[in-house]
Amino acid sequence: MFFAGRSGILSVLIDVYILLIFVYVLATWVPEWRYQSWHRTLGAICEPYLNVFRRLVPPVGMIDLSPMIAILALVVISQMLRTVGL
């Protein structure tokens, strides 16, 4: 079953959050979208988590690796939850 147990629900929530981060990062490349309300909402959801990784790996020039590291961390956590079955 798709939502079997807590691990299924947590995995789905993590997958949705990964998707939100991905959409947010892609939307930052389109200048017209930066001032849309949906983009500000995504920023309010994603930026607190991304800022944790920006403190660890600050942007170098125009390259910000924090979203990739943040998504990688979420994937690792999701896999650990699936393995443990929590």
N, C-alpha and C. Protein backbone atom coordinates (compact mmCIF):
# COMPACT_ATOMS: atom_id res chain seq x y z
N MET A 1 0.84 -1.18 0.00
CA MET A 1 0.00 0.00 0.00
C MET A 1 0.89 1.25 0.00
N PHE A 2 0.43 2.29 -0.66
CA PHE A 2 1.24 3.50 -0.86
C PHE A 2 1.53 4.22 0.45
N PHE A 3 0.53 4.37 1.31
CA PHE A 3 0.70 5.09 2.56
C PHE A 3 0.81 4.13 3.75
N ALA A 4 1.46 3.01 3.57
CA ALA A 4 1.55 2.02 4.64
C ALA A 4 2.47 2.52 5.74
N GLY A 5 1.91 2.83 6.88
CA GLY A 5 2.69 3.22 8.04
C GLY A 5 3.24 4.62 7.98
N ARG A 6 3.95 4.94 9.04
CA ARG A 6 4.54 6.28 9.15
C ARG A 6 5.64 6.53 8.14
N SER A 7 6.39 5.48 7.81
CA SER A 7 7.48 5.68 6.85
C SER A 7 6.95 6.08 5.48
N GLY A 8 5.80 5.53 5.09
CA GLY A 8 5.20 5.91 3.81
C GLY A 8 4.76 7.35 3.79
N ILE A 9 4.14 7.78 4.87
CA ILE A 9 3.67 9.17 4.96
C ILE A 9 4.85 10.12 4.99
N LEU A 10 5.85 9.81 5.83
CA LEU A 10 7.03 10.68 5.90
C LEU A 10 7.78 10.73 4.58
N SER A 11 7.88 9.59 3.92
CA SER A 11 8.57 9.56 2.62
C SER A 11 7.84 10.41 1.59
N VAL A 12 6.52 10.35 1.60
CA VAL A 12 5.74 11.17 0.66
C VAL A 12 5.91 12.64 0.99
N LEU A 13 5.88 13.01 2.27
CA LEU A 13 6.08 14.41 2.65
C LEU A 13 7.46 14.91 2.25
N ILE A 14 8.46 14.07 2.44
CA ILE A 14 9.82 14.45 2.03
C ILE A 14 9.89 14.61 0.52
N ASP A 15 9.27 13.70 -0.21
CA ASP A 15 9.26 13.80 -1.68
C ASP A 15 8.57 15.07 -2.15
N VAL A 16 7.48 15.44 -1.50
CA VAL A 16 6.77 16.68 -1.85
C VAL A 16 7.65 17.88 -1.56
N TYR A 17 8.36 17.86 -0.42
CA TYR A 17 9.24 18.97 -0.07
C TYR A 17 10.40 19.09 -1.06
N ILE A 18 10.93 17.96 -1.50
CA ILE A 18 11.98 17.98 -2.52
C ILE A 18 11.45 18.62 -3.80
N LEU A 19 10.25 18.26 -4.18
CA LEU A 19 9.63 18.85 -5.37
C LEU A 19 9.45 20.36 -5.21
N LEU A 20 9.02 20.80 -4.03
CA LEU A 20 8.84 22.24 -3.78
C LEU A 20 10.18 22.98 -3.89
N ILE A 21 11.23 22.41 -3.33
CA ILE A 21 12.56 23.03 -3.44
C ILE A 21 12.99 23.11 -4.89
N PHE A 22 12.78 22.03 -5.63
CA PHE A 22 13.16 21.99 -7.04
C PHE A 22 12.42 23.07 -7.83
N VAL A 23 11.12 23.18 -7.63
CA VAL A 23 10.32 24.20 -8.34
C VAL A 23 10.78 25.60 -7.93
N TYR A 24 11.03 25.80 -6.64
CA TYR A 24 11.47 27.10 -6.15
C TYR A 24 12.80 27.52 -6.80
N VAL A 25 13.74 26.60 -6.84
CA VAL A 25 15.06 26.91 -7.42
C VAL A 25 14.93 27.20 -8.91
N LEU A 26 14.17 26.39 -9.63
CA LEU A 26 13.98 26.64 -11.06
C LEU A 26 13.28 27.98 -11.29
N ALA A 27 12.34 28.33 -10.44
CA ALA A 27 11.61 29.58 -10.60
C ALA A 27 12.49 30.80 -10.34
N THR A 28 13.56 30.65 -9.57
CA THR A 28 14.45 31.79 -9.34
C THR A 28 15.20 32.18 -10.60
N TRP A 29 15.26 31.30 -11.57
CA TRP A 29 15.95 31.60 -12.83
C TRP A 29 15.09 32.44 -13.77
N VAL A 30 13.80 32.58 -13.46
CA VAL A 30 12.90 33.38 -14.30
C VAL A 30 12.59 34.67 -13.54
N PRO A 31 13.20 35.78 -13.94
CA PRO A 31 13.06 37.03 -13.17
C PRO A 31 11.61 37.47 -12.96
N GLU A 32 10.74 37.25 -13.92
CA GLU A 32 9.35 37.70 -13.78
C GLU A 32 8.62 36.95 -12.68
N TRP A 33 9.04 35.74 -12.38
CA TRP A 33 8.34 34.93 -11.38
C TRP A 33 8.73 35.27 -9.96
N ARG A 34 9.86 35.95 -9.77
CA ARG A 34 10.36 36.22 -8.42
C ARG A 34 9.41 37.07 -7.59
N TYR A 35 8.58 37.84 -8.24
CA TYR A 35 7.70 38.75 -7.52
C TYR A 35 6.26 38.25 -7.48
N GLN A 36 6.03 37.03 -7.91
CA GLN A 36 4.70 36.44 -7.85
C GLN A 36 4.43 35.93 -6.43
N SER A 37 3.17 35.95 -6.04
CA SER A 37 2.83 35.52 -4.68
C SER A 37 3.14 34.04 -4.45
N TRP A 38 2.96 33.21 -5.46
CA TRP A 38 3.25 31.78 -5.28
C TRP A 38 4.74 31.55 -5.06
N HIS A 39 5.58 32.40 -5.68
CA HIS A 39 7.02 32.26 -5.49
C HIS A 39 7.43 32.71 -4.10
N ARG A 40 6.80 33.76 -3.60
CA ARG A 40 7.07 34.20 -2.23
C ARG A 40 6.63 33.14 -1.23
N THR A 41 5.51 32.49 -1.51
CA THR A 41 5.03 31.43 -0.63
C THR A 41 6.01 30.25 -0.63
N LEU A 42 6.47 29.86 -1.81
CA LEU A 42 7.48 28.80 -1.88
C LEU A 42 8.75 29.20 -1.14
N GLY A 43 9.13 30.46 -1.27
CA GLY A 43 10.31 30.95 -0.57
C GLY A 43 10.15 30.86 0.94
N ALA A 44 8.97 31.19 1.43
CA ALA A 44 8.71 31.11 2.87
C ALA A 44 8.77 29.66 3.35
N ILE A 45 8.43 28.73 2.48
CA ILE A 45 8.46 27.31 2.84
C ILE A 45 9.87 26.74 2.72
N CYS A 46 10.60 27.11 1.69
CA CYS A 46 11.88 26.48 1.37
C CYS A 46 13.10 27.19 1.96
N GLU A 47 13.07 28.50 2.04
CA GLU A 47 14.26 29.26 2.45
C GLU A 47 14.77 28.91 3.85
N PRO A 48 13.93 28.72 4.85
CA PRO A 48 14.49 28.38 6.17
C PRO A 48 15.36 27.11 6.13
N TYR A 49 14.91 26.10 5.40
CA TYR A 49 15.68 24.87 5.28
C TYR A 49 16.94 25.10 4.44
N LEU A 50 16.83 25.84 3.35
CA LEU A 50 17.99 26.09 2.50
C LEU A 50 19.04 26.94 3.21
N ASN A 51 18.60 27.86 4.07
CA ASN A 51 19.54 28.73 4.78
C ASN A 51 20.45 27.94 5.72
N VAL A 52 19.97 26.82 6.24
CA VAL A 52 20.82 25.96 7.07
C VAL A 52 22.02 25.50 6.27
N PHE A 53 21.80 25.12 5.03
CA PHE A 53 22.88 24.62 4.19
C PHE A 53 23.71 25.76 3.60
N ARG A 54 23.13 26.94 3.47
CA ARG A 54 23.90 28.10 2.99
C ARG A 54 24.92 28.53 4.03
N ARG A 55 24.61 28.31 5.31
CA ARG A 55 25.59 28.62 6.35
C ARG A 55 26.76 27.64 6.30
N LEU A 56 26.48 26.41 5.92
CA LEU A 56 27.54 25.40 5.84
C LEU A 56 28.36 25.54 4.57
N VAL A 57 27.68 25.79 3.44
CA VAL A 57 28.34 25.94 2.14
C VAL A 57 27.84 27.24 1.52
N PRO A 58 28.54 28.35 1.77
CA PRO A 58 28.06 29.63 1.21
C PRO A 58 28.17 29.64 -0.31
N PRO A 59 27.31 30.43 -0.96
CA PRO A 59 27.38 30.55 -2.42
C PRO A 59 28.73 31.08 -2.87
N VAL A 60 29.21 30.57 -3.98
CA VAL A 60 30.46 31.03 -4.57
C VAL A 60 30.11 31.77 -5.85
N GLY A 61 30.20 33.09 -5.81
CA GLY A 61 29.80 33.89 -6.96
C GLY A 61 28.32 33.72 -7.22
N MET A 62 27.98 33.29 -8.43
CA MET A 62 26.58 33.09 -8.80
C MET A 62 26.12 31.65 -8.58
N ILE A 63 26.99 30.82 -8.05
CA ILE A 63 26.66 29.40 -7.89
C ILE A 63 26.33 29.11 -6.44
N ASP A 64 25.11 28.62 -6.22
CA ASP A 64 24.65 28.26 -4.89
C ASP A 64 24.39 26.75 -4.88
N LEU A 65 25.24 26.04 -4.18
CA LEU A 65 25.11 24.58 -4.13
C LEU A 65 24.20 24.10 -3.01
N SER A 66 23.73 25.01 -2.18
CA SER A 66 22.92 24.60 -1.03
C SER A 66 21.65 23.84 -1.41
N PRO A 67 20.93 24.19 -2.48
CA PRO A 67 19.75 23.38 -2.81
C PRO A 67 20.09 21.92 -3.15
N MET A 68 21.20 21.70 -3.85
CA MET A 68 21.58 20.33 -4.17
C MET A 68 21.94 19.55 -2.92
N ILE A 69 22.65 20.18 -2.01
CA ILE A 69 23.03 19.51 -0.76
C ILE A 69 21.80 19.28 0.11
N ALA A 70 20.89 20.25 0.13
CA ALA A 70 19.66 20.11 0.91
C ALA A 70 18.81 18.97 0.38
N ILE A 71 18.67 18.87 -0.93
CA ILE A 71 17.89 17.78 -1.53
C ILE A 71 18.58 16.44 -1.27
N LEU A 72 19.90 16.40 -1.38
CA LEU A 72 20.63 15.17 -1.11
C LEU A 72 20.40 14.72 0.34
N ALA A 73 20.42 15.66 1.27
CA ALA A 73 20.17 15.32 2.67
C ALA A 73 18.77 14.75 2.85
N LEU A 74 17.78 15.34 2.18
CA LEU A 74 16.42 14.82 2.27
C LEU A 74 16.30 13.42 1.67
N VAL A 75 16.98 13.18 0.56
CA VAL A 75 16.95 11.85 -0.06
C VAL A 75 17.57 10.82 0.88
N VAL A 76 18.68 11.17 1.51
CA VAL A 76 19.34 10.25 2.45
C VAL A 76 18.41 9.96 3.63
N ILE A 77 17.78 10.99 4.18
CA ILE A 77 16.85 10.80 5.30
C ILE A 77 15.68 9.92 4.88
N SER A 78 15.15 10.16 3.70
CA SER A 78 14.04 9.37 3.20
C SER A 78 14.43 7.90 3.05
N GLN A 79 15.61 7.65 2.52
CA GLN A 79 16.08 6.27 2.37
C GLN A 79 16.30 5.61 3.72
N MET A 80 16.83 6.37 4.68
CA MET A 80 17.03 5.82 6.02
C MET A 80 15.69 5.46 6.65
N LEU A 81 14.69 6.31 6.49
CA LEU A 81 13.37 6.02 7.04
C LEU A 81 12.77 4.77 6.40
N ARG A 82 12.95 4.64 5.11
CA ARG A 82 12.43 3.44 4.42
C ARG A 82 13.15 2.18 4.88
N THR A 83 14.46 2.29 5.11
CA THR A 83 15.24 1.14 5.55
C THR A 83 14.85 0.72 6.97
N VAL A 84 14.74 1.70 7.85
CA VAL A 84 14.40 1.42 9.25
C VAL A 84 12.94 1.03 9.38
N GLY A 85 12.11 1.56 8.49
CA GLY A 85 10.68 1.27 8.55
C GLY A 85 9.96 2.10 9.57
N LEU A 86 10.49 3.27 9.88
CA LEU A 86 9.86 4.16 10.86
C LEU A 86 8.69 4.88 10.27
